[in-house]
Amino acid sequence: MSEFDFGPLLLVLILAGLVVWFWSKRQPGAKRKKRRPTSTVQRFSNAEFAEHWQRIEGIMAQPGLEQTKSAIFEADKLLDTALRQSGFKGETMGERLKNARQHFGNNAIYQGLWEAHKLRNALAHEVGFDVSKMVGQQHLHQFKAGLQYLKVL
């Protein structure tokens, strides 16, 4: 046998490695990449898109700020479903919309979709941000034009 026993040294190295690993996991400032659940593309027929759109218009027809916001949120989700179903890639709705840019030959429709999506983001993320029924209706029209351009409505 050798003069030096490697057993205790090996044990110390393993324990040191575990301490470093645990310490790195517990650091409050350590960035951890959040894993989004993978979702499958929900496949809608044109009739199902039309049915969803009718519900959105029904929500918008009701009085009140919350109904207007709800209609905008639902229209944005429906557009996202259409973009996914059309095969546009991206982690977020914004990325999918950017990747769809070349598909939209009509720049006015594309820009309208961006404006409508930005309104949705402002409603979702800015404290106290509100939208009038008239402005909400205009943006809903932009969502509808985009859905028609994608040939799902």
Protein backbone atom coordinates (compact mmCIF):
# COMPACT_ATOMS: atom_id res chain seq x y z
CA MET A 1 0.00 0.00 0.00
CA SER A 2 1.01 3.59 -0.42
CA GLU A 3 2.05 5.85 2.39
CA PHE A 4 -0.95 8.09 1.82
CA ASP A 5 -4.57 6.96 2.12
CA PHE A 6 -6.77 8.63 -0.52
CA GLY A 7 -10.06 7.72 1.18
CA PRO A 8 -10.30 10.73 3.54
CA LEU A 9 -9.10 13.12 0.82
CA LEU A 10 -11.73 11.85 -1.59
CA LEU A 11 -14.42 12.24 1.06
CA VAL A 12 -13.35 15.85 1.78
CA LEU A 13 -13.42 16.70 -1.94
CA ILE A 14 -16.90 15.25 -2.38
CA LEU A 15 -18.20 17.11 0.68
CA ALA A 16 -16.60 20.36 -0.52
CA GLY A 17 -18.21 19.93 -3.91
CA LEU A 18 -21.64 19.41 -2.33
CA VAL A 19 -21.21 22.50 -0.13
CA VAL A 20 -20.32 24.64 -3.15
CA TRP A 21 -23.26 23.24 -5.13
CA PHE A 22 -25.76 23.89 -2.29
CA TRP A 23 -24.32 27.34 -1.68
CA SER A 24 -24.67 28.31 -5.34
CA LYS A 25 -28.33 27.18 -5.39
CA ARG A 26 -29.20 29.22 -2.32
CA GLN A 27 -27.74 32.55 -3.46
CA PRO A 28 -30.59 35.10 -3.57
CA GLY A 29 -29.01 37.01 -6.46
CA ALA A 30 -28.28 33.93 -8.51
CA LYS A 31 -30.19 34.01 -11.75
CA ARG A 32 -32.20 30.97 -12.51
CA LYS A 33 -33.77 30.51 -15.86
CA LYS A 34 -37.45 29.95 -15.41
CA ARG A 35 -38.71 27.07 -17.42
CA ARG A 36 -41.99 27.70 -19.10
CA PRO A 37 -44.26 24.76 -19.39
CA THR A 38 -44.23 23.47 -22.90
CA SER A 39 -47.61 23.80 -24.46
CA THR A 40 -49.03 22.20 -27.50
CA VAL A 41 -50.63 24.28 -30.19
CA GLN A 42 -54.36 24.31 -29.73
CA ARG A 43 -55.92 23.63 -33.12
CA PHE A 44 -59.08 25.55 -33.92
CA SER A 45 -61.17 25.28 -37.04
CA ASN A 46 -62.31 28.50 -38.70
CA ALA A 47 -65.75 27.90 -37.20
CA GLU A 48 -64.20 27.73 -33.72
CA PHE A 49 -62.26 30.94 -34.33
CA ALA A 50 -65.51 32.58 -35.44
CA GLU A 51 -67.28 31.30 -32.33
CA HIS A 52 -64.55 32.71 -30.07
CA TRP A 53 -64.67 36.00 -31.93
CA GLN A 54 -68.44 36.24 -31.45
CA ARG A 55 -67.90 35.80 -27.69
CA ILE A 56 -65.28 38.55 -27.71
CA GLU A 57 -67.64 40.93 -29.51
CA GLY A 58 -70.34 40.01 -27.00
CA ILE A 59 -68.04 40.91 -24.12
CA MET A 60 -67.14 44.22 -25.78
CA ALA A 61 -70.83 45.05 -26.27
CA GLN A 62 -71.36 44.98 -22.50
CA PRO A 63 -70.91 48.27 -20.62
CA GLY A 64 -67.93 48.78 -18.36
CA LEU A 65 -64.17 49.10 -18.32
CA GLU A 66 -63.56 45.53 -17.17
CA GLN A 67 -65.51 44.14 -20.13
CA THR A 68 -63.46 46.26 -22.53
CA LYS A 69 -60.22 45.02 -20.95
CA SER A 70 -61.45 41.44 -21.02
CA ALA A 71 -62.34 41.67 -24.72
CA ILE A 72 -58.85 43.04 -25.53
CA PHE A 73 -57.17 40.26 -23.53
CA GLU A 74 -59.26 37.57 -25.22
CA ALA A 75 -58.65 39.01 -28.70
CA ASP A 76 -54.90 39.05 -28.04
CA LYS A 77 -55.01 35.40 -26.92
CA LEU A 78 -57.02 34.46 -30.00
CA LEU A 79 -54.47 36.17 -32.25
CA ASP A 80 -51.67 34.34 -30.45
CA THR A 81 -53.47 31.05 -31.06
CA ALA A 82 -53.79 31.92 -34.76
CA LEU A 83 -50.08 32.80 -34.98
CA ARG A 84 -49.08 29.55 -33.29
CA GLN A 85 -51.43 27.54 -35.46
CA SER A 86 -49.97 29.25 -38.54
CA GLY A 87 -46.54 27.99 -37.50
CA PHE A 88 -44.87 31.21 -36.33
CA LYS A 89 -42.18 30.49 -33.74
CA GLY A 90 -41.22 32.44 -30.65
CA GLU A 91 -41.18 32.26 -26.87
CA THR A 92 -43.69 35.11 -26.51
CA MET A 93 -46.58 36.55 -28.46
CA GLY A 94 -44.36 39.53 -29.33
CA GLU A 95 -41.69 37.26 -30.78
CA ARG A 96 -44.26 35.33 -32.80
CA LEU A 97 -45.69 38.60 -34.12
CA LYS A 98 -42.20 39.78 -35.10
CA ASN A 99 -41.57 36.48 -36.87
CA ALA A 100 -44.84 36.90 -38.76
CA ARG A 101 -43.81 40.30 -40.18
CA GLN A 102 -42.88 39.00 -43.62
CA HIS A 103 -46.20 37.18 -43.88
CA PHE A 104 -48.16 40.42 -43.67
CA GLY A 105 -47.91 42.10 -47.04
CA ASN A 106 -50.22 44.81 -45.72
CA ASN A 107 -48.13 46.97 -43.38
CA ALA A 108 -51.19 48.80 -42.00
CA ILE A 109 -52.68 45.54 -40.69
CA TYR A 110 -49.36 44.47 -39.19
CA GLN A 111 -48.81 47.83 -37.48
CA GLY A 112 -52.40 47.75 -36.22
CA LEU A 113 -51.75 44.36 -34.64
CA TRP A 114 -48.66 45.73 -32.92
CA GLU A 115 -50.62 48.68 -31.58
CA ALA A 116 -53.39 46.40 -30.34
CA HIS A 117 -50.88 44.06 -28.69
CA LYS A 118 -49.08 47.01 -27.06
CA LEU A 119 -52.43 48.19 -25.68
CA ARG A 120 -53.00 44.74 -24.20
CA ASN A 121 -49.54 44.86 -22.59
CA ALA A 122 -50.20 48.31 -21.14
CA LEU A 123 -53.50 47.09 -19.68
CA ALA A 124 -51.79 44.06 -18.18
CA HIS A 125 -48.63 45.68 -16.83
CA GLU A 126 -49.16 49.39 -16.17
CA VAL A 127 -50.79 50.35 -12.89
CA GLY A 128 -53.89 52.45 -13.40
CA PHE A 129 -53.86 52.18 -17.20
CA ASP A 130 -57.38 52.29 -18.58
CA VAL A 131 -58.91 52.37 -22.03
CA SER A 132 -62.10 53.94 -23.27
CA LYS A 133 -64.77 51.85 -24.96
CA MET A 134 -64.12 53.69 -28.25
CA VAL A 135 -60.34 53.06 -28.19
CA GLY A 136 -60.93 49.46 -27.17
CA GLN A 137 -63.33 49.04 -30.09
CA GLN A 138 -60.72 50.44 -32.51
CA HIS A 139 -58.10 47.99 -31.28
CA LEU A 140 -60.56 45.13 -31.41
CA HIS A 141 -61.10 46.02 -35.08
CA GLN A 142 -57.32 45.76 -35.59
CA PHE A 143 -57.27 42.29 -34.03
CA LYS A 144 -60.14 41.26 -36.30
CA ALA A 145 -58.36 42.55 -39.41
CA GLY A 146 -55.27 40.52 -38.47
CA LEU A 147 -57.29 37.38 -37.86
CA GLN A 148 -59.00 37.85 -41.23
CA TYR A 149 -55.62 38.36 -42.91
CA LEU A 150 -54.46 35.07 -41.37
CA LYS A 151 -57.60 33.53 -42.87
CA VAL A 152 -58.95 32.16 -39.59
CA LEU A 153 -62.01 34.45 -39.58
